[in-house]
Amino acid sequence: MATLLRLVARKTTKTYANRLFNHTKFGQPCCFISTSKKNKESLTVRPDSTTPLEETEEFKRLKEHFADWDPEKSKNWVSYGFDFTDRDMDTFMKNMVMFLIVSCTFVAAMTFVMYSPDVRLKNWAWREAFLELERREREGLPLVDPNLVNPETVELPSEEEIGDQDIII
C-alpha cells in the first residue's frame, strides 16, 4: 500500500511541479528544499526536469475565462443573494435592504433615544429643585435650611454608647 501511494505521489508531484515551476517569473528552475532525512518518503523536484508540458483544452479554456476581468459582463457577475437571475433586481434589492437596515434603523433608534421619556427622573429632579429654590426666595426663607429635619425628633446615642469611637463632623 505504501509503495502504491509513493508511486502516485511521485507521479502527481512531478506533473504539478512541472506546471508550476516551468512558468516562473524569471525562468529559473525551482526545487523544494527538504530538511528531512533523505529517504524514499521525501518528495523533491529535480532541477533537470524542465521540459514544458503541452496545455490541455481545459487549461486553455480556464486561462481564457480568467483573463477577462470586466465586471460588467454577465459571466463575471456574482449575485448579492437577493435574485440569482436578474442583475438589476439583485442590485436594487441589496441597495433597498441596506438603506432600510442601516439608515432607517439608526434614524429610528436615535429618534427613540432622544425623545424617550425621562426614565430616571433626572430632569424632574432638576425642575423640582429650581421650583423649590424659587419658592424659598419668594417666601424669604434661606435657600438651604440647616434644620431640614426637626432636631427634637432625632435621637442621638449617649456618651456610653459612643465610647472611644472617633466622631467626624
Protein backbone atom coordinates (compact mmCIF):
# COMPACT_ATOMS: atom_id res chain seq x y z
CA MET A 1 0.00 0.00 0.00
CA ALA A 2 2.80 2.42 0.89
CA THR A 3 4.58 1.65 -2.39
CA LEU A 4 1.42 2.40 -4.36
CA LEU A 5 0.93 5.70 -2.53
CA ARG A 6 4.58 6.60 -3.10
CA LEU A 7 4.24 5.97 -6.85
CA VAL A 8 1.08 8.05 -7.12
CA ALA A 9 2.59 10.86 -5.06
CA ARG A 10 5.75 10.86 -7.16
CA LYS A 11 3.77 10.96 -10.42
CA THR A 12 1.37 13.74 -9.35
CA THR A 13 4.13 15.78 -7.73
CA LYS A 14 6.20 15.74 -10.90
CA THR A 15 3.21 16.70 -13.03
CA TYR A 16 2.10 19.63 -10.85
CA ALA A 17 5.63 20.76 -10.11
CA ASN A 18 6.41 20.94 -13.83
CA ARG A 19 3.30 23.03 -14.42
CA LEU A 20 4.08 25.36 -11.57
CA PHE A 21 7.79 25.84 -11.84
CA ASN A 22 8.31 25.84 -15.61
CA HIS A 23 6.38 29.09 -15.88
CA THR A 24 8.23 31.02 -13.21
CA LYS A 25 8.77 34.74 -13.47
CA PHE A 26 12.50 34.57 -14.03
CA GLY A 27 12.58 31.31 -15.95
CA GLN A 28 14.82 29.55 -13.46
CA PRO A 29 14.03 26.01 -12.40
CA CYS A 30 12.96 25.66 -8.80
CA CYS A 31 13.05 22.79 -6.35
CA PHE A 32 11.74 22.03 -2.90
CA ILE A 33 14.22 22.24 -0.07
CA SER A 34 13.79 19.38 2.34
CA THR A 35 15.26 19.25 5.82
CA SER A 36 14.09 15.72 6.49
CA LYS A 37 16.34 12.71 6.28
CA LYS A 38 16.96 11.58 2.72
CA ASN A 39 14.75 8.57 2.18
CA LYS A 40 12.01 7.49 -0.19
CA GLU A 41 9.24 9.38 1.64
CA SER A 42 10.55 12.89 1.00
CA LEU A 43 9.35 14.40 -2.28
CA THR A 44 11.57 16.77 -4.24
CA VAL A 45 11.69 18.19 -7.75
CA ARG A 46 14.91 17.83 -9.63
CA PRO A 47 16.22 20.90 -11.44
CA ASP A 48 16.83 18.90 -14.63
CA SER A 49 13.10 18.22 -15.15
CA THR A 50 12.42 21.43 -17.11
CA THR A 51 10.59 20.01 -20.11
CA PRO A 52 7.40 22.02 -20.64
CA LEU A 53 4.07 20.20 -20.77
CA GLU A 54 1.54 20.77 -23.50
CA GLU A 55 -1.51 22.80 -22.48
CA THR A 56 -4.77 20.86 -22.36
CA GLU A 57 -8.04 22.17 -23.75
CA GLU A 58 -9.49 22.71 -20.28
CA PHE A 59 -6.40 24.63 -19.20
CA LYS A 60 -6.70 26.87 -22.29
CA ARG A 61 -10.42 27.42 -21.59
CA LEU A 62 -9.77 28.34 -17.95
CA LYS A 63 -6.89 30.59 -18.92
CA GLU A 64 -9.15 32.44 -21.37
CA HIS A 65 -12.00 32.58 -18.83
CA PHE A 66 -9.91 34.08 -16.02
CA ALA A 67 -8.10 36.51 -18.32
CA ASP A 68 -11.32 38.56 -18.61
CA TRP A 69 -11.74 40.83 -15.55
CA ASP A 70 -14.52 43.10 -16.85
CA PRO A 71 -17.15 43.34 -14.04
CA GLU A 72 -19.85 44.49 -16.45
CA LYS A 73 -20.00 41.17 -18.27
CA SER A 74 -22.64 38.73 -17.11
CA LYS A 75 -20.21 35.84 -16.74
CA ASN A 76 -18.28 37.82 -14.10
CA TRP A 77 -21.42 38.81 -12.14
CA VAL A 78 -21.73 37.48 -8.60
CA SER A 79 -25.17 37.78 -7.01
CA TYR A 80 -25.71 39.50 -3.66
CA GLY A 81 -28.17 36.73 -2.81
CA PHE A 82 -31.47 38.52 -3.43
CA ASP A 83 -32.08 37.48 -7.04
CA PHE A 84 -29.94 34.94 -8.84
CA THR A 85 -31.28 35.62 -12.36
CA ASP A 86 -31.83 39.38 -12.70
CA ARG A 87 -28.75 41.52 -12.08
CA ASP A 88 -30.62 44.85 -11.81
CA MET A 89 -33.21 43.48 -9.37
CA ASP A 90 -30.44 41.95 -7.27
CA THR A 91 -28.60 45.29 -7.04
CA PHE A 92 -31.84 47.18 -6.32
CA MET A 93 -32.83 44.78 -3.52
CA LYS A 94 -29.34 44.99 -1.99
CA ASN A 95 -29.47 48.79 -2.00
CA MET A 96 -33.01 48.82 -0.60
CA VAL A 97 -32.23 46.41 2.21
CA MET A 98 -29.05 48.25 3.15
CA PHE A 99 -30.94 51.57 3.17
CA LEU A 100 -33.72 50.20 5.34
CA ILE A 101 -31.46 48.35 7.75
CA VAL A 102 -28.72 50.93 8.13
CA SER A 103 -30.30 54.32 7.57
CA CYS A 104 -33.85 53.84 8.81
CA THR A 105 -32.86 51.70 11.78
CA PHE A 106 -30.26 54.19 13.00
CA VAL A 107 -32.60 57.15 12.49
CA ALA A 108 -35.45 55.41 14.32
CA ALA A 109 -33.16 54.34 17.16
CA MET A 110 -31.73 57.84 17.60
CA THR A 111 -35.20 59.38 17.49
CA PHE A 112 -36.41 56.94 20.14
CA VAL A 113 -33.42 57.67 22.37
CA MET A 114 -33.71 61.45 22.02
CA TYR A 115 -37.48 61.63 22.58
CA SER A 116 -37.91 58.84 25.11
CA PRO A 117 -39.37 59.79 28.48
CA ASP A 118 -37.18 60.59 31.48
CA VAL A 119 -36.93 57.11 32.97
CA ARG A 120 -34.52 58.00 35.80
CA LEU A 121 -36.43 61.22 36.60
CA LYS A 122 -33.25 63.25 36.25
CA ASN A 123 -34.99 66.17 34.53
CA TRP A 124 -37.83 66.05 37.07
CA ALA A 125 -35.36 66.42 39.95
CA TRP A 126 -33.77 69.49 38.32
CA ARG A 127 -37.16 71.11 37.71
CA GLU A 128 -38.31 70.35 41.25
CA ALA A 129 -35.10 71.81 42.73
CA PHE A 130 -35.50 75.07 40.78
CA LEU A 131 -39.15 75.33 41.80
CA GLU A 132 -38.20 74.81 45.46
CA LEU A 133 -35.44 77.48 45.25
CA GLU A 134 -37.87 79.93 43.68
CA ARG A 135 -40.48 79.27 46.40
CA ARG A 136 -37.90 79.79 49.19
CA GLU A 137 -36.70 83.08 47.64
CA ARG A 138 -40.30 84.31 47.37
CA GLU A 139 -41.08 83.48 51.00
CA GLY A 140 -37.77 84.93 52.27
CA LEU A 141 -36.52 81.62 53.68
CA PRO A 142 -32.87 80.54 53.48
CA LEU A 143 -32.13 78.59 50.28
CA VAL A 144 -30.86 75.58 52.25
CA ASP A 145 -32.48 75.02 55.64
CA PRO A 146 -29.96 73.97 58.34
CA ASN A 147 -32.79 72.22 60.19
CA LEU A 148 -34.07 70.11 57.32
CA VAL A 149 -35.05 67.51 59.90
CA ASN A 150 -36.53 68.72 63.18
CA PRO A 151 -33.71 68.36 65.78
CA GLU A 152 -36.18 67.41 68.54
CA THR A 153 -37.22 64.26 66.65
CA VAL A 154 -33.66 62.99 66.20
CA GLU A 155 -32.34 60.64 68.92
CA LEU A 156 -28.55 60.73 69.29
CA PRO A 157 -26.63 57.94 71.06
CA SER A 158 -25.42 58.57 74.62
CA GLU A 159 -21.77 59.03 75.58
CA GLU A 160 -21.56 55.45 76.91
CA GLU A 161 -22.84 54.02 73.58
CA ILE A 162 -20.31 56.05 71.60
CA GLY A 163 -17.41 55.03 73.79
CA ASP A 164 -13.96 55.82 72.37
CA GLN A 165 -15.01 55.91 68.69
CA ASP A 166 -13.89 58.93 66.67
CA ILE A 167 -16.64 61.32 65.65
CA ILE A 168 -16.05 63.04 62.32
CA ILE A 169 -18.23 66.02 61.51
